[in-house]
Amino acid sequence: MKDLLGKSLLDYQLNDRKSDVRVSTNISKSEYLSRAHFFRSFPQMIPIEQKALTLAKGRILDVGAGTGSHVLYLQEKGLDAVALDISPAVIEICQLRGVKQTIISDILDYQGKFDTILLLMNGIGISKRLSLIDIYLQKLKSLLNEGGQILTTSTDIIYMFDQDEDGSYIIPFNEETEYYGELIYTIHYKGEKESFPWLFIDYNTLQRAANNNGLSCELIEEGDDYNYLVRMTHL
């Protein structure tokens, strides 16, 4: 893994603000990625993100913690929060920014127990594909203390597709994907490129998957851009 996104964010942390990062997907054209977006303070976050942080309690694991913005806010509130990410570069950023507890690991390889698990900024997308969602939900469930909660956000990207005359969405065939919310991202940075899968899942599909894996799935709040926040707990 080249970890171009992580490296670009570390460069930004170290004051390289001029290098461009471009991102595209299998259904969208290349566009400029604002690295400043990953360094937002609490007031700059979207409402469903803020809501999730206010609901966090107990010992907290932020999965895919990125630059540590969520954990920094939780630390300021006196909460026991841990930043976990697979990228060594972003964990270095977390440490430079003052995050006290950091872990470099794939979530599937990690062991521990928590009262709250956060997967924000479309964080359930780490599942990569709908066919893998059960594996990730079972893993997340195993990390919960009794009475614990998983708070995650996602987006229903069906709006990105055209509709025919009867209102049905037209989803082109793609041999790389089986579900319309499975995207392939490509990052371009400093003459290199790297691709990786990410899952955007509609609420009803996520709820069914959660229930099939012994988890309740409560819709907490919907955002303005087809995104939403859910809370999952043991059934």
Protein backbone atom coordinates (compact mmCIF):
# COMPACT_ATOMS: atom_id res chain seq x y z
CA MET A 1 0.00 0.00 0.00
CA LYS A 2 1.48 3.33 -1.08
CA ASP A 3 -0.77 5.26 1.34
CA LEU A 4 -0.74 8.34 -0.88
CA LEU A 5 -3.61 9.97 1.00
CA GLY A 6 -1.83 9.51 4.33
CA LYS A 7 1.44 10.83 2.93
CA SER A 8 -0.28 13.86 1.43
CA LEU A 9 -1.91 14.66 4.77
CA LEU A 10 1.39 14.29 6.61
CA ASP A 11 3.01 16.65 4.11
CA TYR A 12 0.19 19.12 4.80
CA GLN A 13 0.78 18.80 8.55
CA LEU A 14 4.44 19.55 7.90
CA ASN A 15 3.48 22.74 6.00
CA ASP A 16 3.56 21.50 2.39
CA ARG A 17 0.38 23.31 1.33
CA LYS A 18 1.14 23.65 -2.40
CA SER A 19 1.15 20.06 -3.69
CA ASP A 20 -2.14 19.12 -5.32
CA VAL A 21 -4.05 15.96 -4.47
CA ARG A 22 -6.55 14.74 -7.05
CA VAL A 23 -9.21 12.12 -6.44
CA SER A 24 -11.60 10.31 -8.78
CA THR A 25 -13.91 7.31 -8.61
CA ASN A 26 -15.22 4.80 -11.10
CA ILE A 27 -18.38 6.93 -11.42
CA SER A 28 -16.98 10.47 -11.09
CA LYS A 29 -14.33 12.64 -12.69
CA SER A 30 -11.08 13.74 -11.07
CA GLU A 31 -11.31 16.69 -8.72
CA TYR A 32 -9.09 18.54 -6.27
CA LEU A 33 -9.09 17.16 -2.72
CA SER A 34 -9.00 19.75 0.06
CA ARG A 35 -6.58 18.45 2.66
CA ALA A 36 -7.72 21.16 5.08
CA HIS A 37 -11.02 19.24 5.34
CA PHE A 38 -9.22 16.54 7.32
CA PHE A 39 -8.02 19.04 9.93
CA ARG A 40 -11.39 20.52 10.90
CA SER A 41 -12.24 21.61 14.42
CA PHE A 42 -15.54 20.60 16.03
CA PRO A 43 -17.42 23.75 14.93
CA GLN A 44 -16.38 23.05 11.33
CA MET A 45 -17.71 19.49 11.29
CA ILE A 46 -21.06 18.58 9.76
CA PRO A 47 -24.02 18.19 12.17
CA ILE A 48 -24.22 14.37 12.06
CA GLU A 49 -20.51 14.20 12.86
CA GLN A 50 -20.96 16.56 15.78
CA LYS A 51 -23.96 14.55 16.97
CA ALA A 52 -21.93 11.33 16.98
CA LEU A 53 -19.20 12.92 19.07
CA THR A 54 -21.70 14.20 21.63
CA LEU A 55 -23.15 10.67 21.93
CA ALA A 56 -19.74 9.03 22.50
CA LYS A 57 -19.22 7.74 26.03
CA GLY A 58 -17.02 5.48 28.11
CA ARG A 59 -13.87 4.10 26.53
CA ILE A 60 -13.93 5.13 22.87
CA LEU A 61 -12.25 3.70 19.76
CA ASP A 62 -12.14 5.93 16.68
CA VAL A 63 -11.70 3.55 13.73
CA GLY A 64 -10.11 5.15 10.71
CA ALA A 65 -9.16 8.07 12.93
CA GLY A 66 -7.28 9.90 10.19
CA THR A 67 -5.64 13.07 11.44
CA GLY A 68 -7.17 12.69 14.89
CA SER A 69 -9.69 15.54 14.86
CA HIS A 70 -12.42 13.48 16.54
CA VAL A 71 -10.14 12.12 19.25
CA LEU A 72 -8.69 15.55 19.96
CA TYR A 73 -12.20 16.88 20.62
CA LEU A 74 -13.02 13.92 22.86
CA GLN A 75 -9.75 14.34 24.77
CA GLU A 76 -10.61 17.97 25.41
CA LYS A 77 -13.86 16.77 26.93
CA GLY A 78 -11.93 14.52 29.30
CA LEU A 79 -12.96 11.26 27.60
CA ASP A 80 -10.80 8.15 27.19
CA ALA A 81 -10.40 7.95 23.41
CA VAL A 82 -8.09 5.90 21.19
CA ALA A 83 -7.20 6.66 17.55
CA LEU A 84 -6.82 3.61 15.32
CA ASP A 85 -5.81 3.74 11.66
CA ILE A 86 -4.07 1.45 9.21
CA SER A 87 -1.95 4.34 7.91
CA PRO A 88 1.34 5.02 9.74
CA ALA A 89 1.40 8.50 8.19
CA VAL A 90 -1.89 9.65 9.69
CA ILE A 91 -1.05 8.13 13.06
CA GLU A 92 2.12 10.22 12.98
CA ILE A 93 -0.11 13.23 12.37
CA CYS A 94 -2.27 12.26 15.34
CA GLN A 95 0.80 12.14 17.54
CA LEU A 96 2.09 15.48 16.24
CA ARG A 97 -1.29 17.05 16.97
CA GLY A 98 -1.37 15.76 20.53
CA VAL A 99 -3.47 12.60 20.41
CA LYS A 100 -2.48 10.63 23.52
CA GLN A 101 -3.46 7.07 22.52
CA THR A 102 -2.75 5.83 18.99
CA ILE A 103 -2.72 2.42 17.29
CA ILE A 104 -1.52 1.44 13.81
CA SER A 105 -3.60 -1.56 12.81
CA ASP A 106 -6.17 -2.99 10.45
CA ILE A 107 -9.37 -3.18 12.49
CA LEU A 108 -9.72 -6.87 11.60
CA ASP A 109 -6.40 -7.57 13.36
CA TYR A 110 -7.11 -5.54 16.49
CA GLN A 111 -8.24 -6.84 19.89
CA GLY A 112 -9.77 -4.78 22.68
CA LYS A 113 -12.99 -3.77 24.39
CA PHE A 114 -14.78 -0.42 24.15
CA ASP A 115 -18.01 1.27 25.15
CA THR A 116 -18.22 3.34 21.97
CA ILE A 117 -16.79 2.60 18.54
CA LEU A 118 -16.78 5.49 16.04
CA LEU A 119 -16.61 5.13 12.26
CA LEU A 120 -17.21 8.66 10.99
CA MET A 121 -16.80 10.44 7.64
CA ASN A 122 -18.53 7.54 5.88
CA GLY A 123 -16.46 5.30 8.11
CA ILE A 124 -18.37 2.06 7.54
CA GLY A 125 -16.83 2.27 4.08
CA ILE A 126 -13.80 0.41 5.43
CA SER A 127 -15.87 -2.69 4.68
CA LYS A 128 -14.90 -2.11 1.02
CA ARG A 129 -17.66 -4.26 -0.47
CA LEU A 130 -21.17 -5.26 0.51
CA SER A 131 -20.07 -8.92 0.43
CA LEU A 132 -17.63 -8.15 3.27
CA ILE A 133 -20.00 -6.21 5.54
CA ASP A 134 -20.75 -9.25 7.73
CA ILE A 135 -17.06 -9.77 8.47
CA TYR A 136 -16.62 -6.17 9.59
CA LEU A 137 -19.84 -6.01 11.62
CA GLN A 138 -18.93 -9.22 13.45
CA LYS A 139 -15.49 -7.81 14.22
CA LEU A 140 -16.88 -4.51 15.48
CA LYS A 141 -19.45 -6.37 17.58
CA SER A 142 -16.66 -8.41 19.20
CA LEU A 143 -14.96 -5.17 20.35
CA LEU A 144 -18.01 -3.88 22.23
CA ASN A 145 -18.38 -4.03 25.98
CA GLU A 146 -21.79 -5.03 27.30
CA GLY A 147 -24.13 -2.12 26.66
CA GLY A 148 -21.70 -0.64 24.13
CA GLN A 149 -22.54 1.19 20.92
CA ILE A 150 -21.22 1.58 17.38
CA LEU A 151 -21.78 5.04 15.89
CA THR A 152 -21.20 5.22 12.16
CA THR A 153 -22.07 7.37 9.17
CA SER A 154 -22.62 6.54 5.54
CA THR A 155 -24.26 8.00 2.44
CA ASP A 156 -26.81 6.62 0.02
CA ILE A 157 -25.22 7.57 -3.32
CA ILE A 158 -28.19 6.46 -5.46
CA TYR A 159 -28.73 10.16 -6.24
CA MET A 160 -25.57 10.12 -8.37
CA PHE A 161 -27.26 7.93 -11.00
CA ASP A 162 -29.68 8.98 -13.75
CA GLN A 163 -33.35 8.03 -13.68
CA ASP A 164 -35.53 6.73 -16.50
CA GLU A 165 -39.05 7.92 -17.32
CA ASP A 166 -40.71 5.87 -14.57
CA GLY A 167 -38.30 7.15 -11.91
CA SER A 168 -36.17 4.01 -11.71
CA TYR A 169 -32.45 4.57 -11.33
CA ILE A 170 -30.20 3.50 -14.19
CA ILE A 171 -27.14 1.79 -12.74
CA PRO A 172 -24.58 0.88 -15.42
CA PHE A 173 -23.04 -2.59 -15.30
CA ASN A 174 -19.58 -2.62 -13.77
CA GLU A 175 -17.63 -5.86 -13.60
CA GLU A 176 -15.64 -4.52 -10.60
CA THR A 177 -18.68 -4.02 -8.37
CA GLU A 178 -21.87 -5.85 -7.38
CA TYR A 179 -23.69 -3.06 -5.48
CA TYR A 180 -24.13 0.54 -6.62
CA GLY A 181 -22.51 1.86 -3.44
CA GLU A 182 -19.21 0.08 -4.07
CA LEU A 183 -16.80 2.69 -5.39
CA ILE A 184 -13.20 2.48 -6.50
CA TYR A 185 -11.27 5.59 -5.50
CA THR A 186 -8.06 6.66 -7.23
CA ILE A 187 -5.68 9.13 -5.56
CA HIS A 188 -3.10 11.07 -7.59
CA TYR A 189 -0.26 12.71 -5.67
CA LYS A 190 3.23 13.83 -6.68
CA GLY A 191 3.27 11.77 -9.87
CA GLU A 192 1.96 8.56 -8.26
CA LYS A 193 -1.46 7.02 -8.14
CA GLU A 194 -3.18 4.47 -5.95
CA SER A 195 -6.64 2.90 -6.06
CA PHE A 196 -8.73 1.40 -3.27
CA PRO A 197 -12.36 0.29 -2.74
CA TRP A 198 -14.83 2.03 -0.44
CA LEU A 199 -18.42 1.18 0.45
CA PHE A 200 -21.31 3.63 0.60
CA ILE A 201 -24.36 1.79 1.92
CA ASP A 202 -28.01 2.85 2.06
CA TYR A 203 -29.69 2.75 5.46
CA ASN A 204 -32.10 -0.10 4.78
CA THR A 205 -29.31 -2.36 3.53
CA LEU A 206 -27.13 -1.50 6.54
CA GLN A 207 -30.01 -2.15 8.91
CA ARG A 208 -30.64 -5.60 7.40
CA ALA A 209 -26.94 -6.45 7.60
CA ALA A 210 -26.76 -5.30 11.23
CA ASN A 211 -29.81 -7.36 12.22
CA ASN A 212 -28.39 -10.43 10.45
CA ASN A 213 -25.29 -10.05 12.62
CA GLY A 214 -27.07 -9.66 15.96
CA LEU A 215 -27.02 -5.87 16.07
CA SER A 216 -29.82 -3.35 16.25
CA CYS A 217 -29.48 -0.38 13.89
CA GLU A 218 -31.16 2.87 14.91
CA LEU A 219 -31.27 5.85 12.57
CA ILE A 220 -30.13 8.77 14.73
CA GLU A 221 -30.00 11.65 12.28
CA GLU A 222 -30.06 12.37 8.55
CA GLY A 223 -27.83 14.98 6.97
CA ASP A 224 -28.40 17.36 4.08
CA ASP A 225 -26.44 15.36 1.50
CA TYR A 226 -28.07 11.91 1.61
CA ASN A 227 -25.80 11.01 4.53
CA TYR A 228 -26.92 9.65 7.88
CA LEU A 229 -25.80 8.60 11.36
CA VAL A 230 -26.78 5.30 12.96
CA ARG A 231 -26.24 3.66 16.33
CA MET A 232 -25.78 -0.12 16.49
CA THR A 233 -25.97 -2.12 19.71
CA HIS A 234 -26.25 -5.77 20.68
CA LEU A 235 -29.70 -7.24 20.07
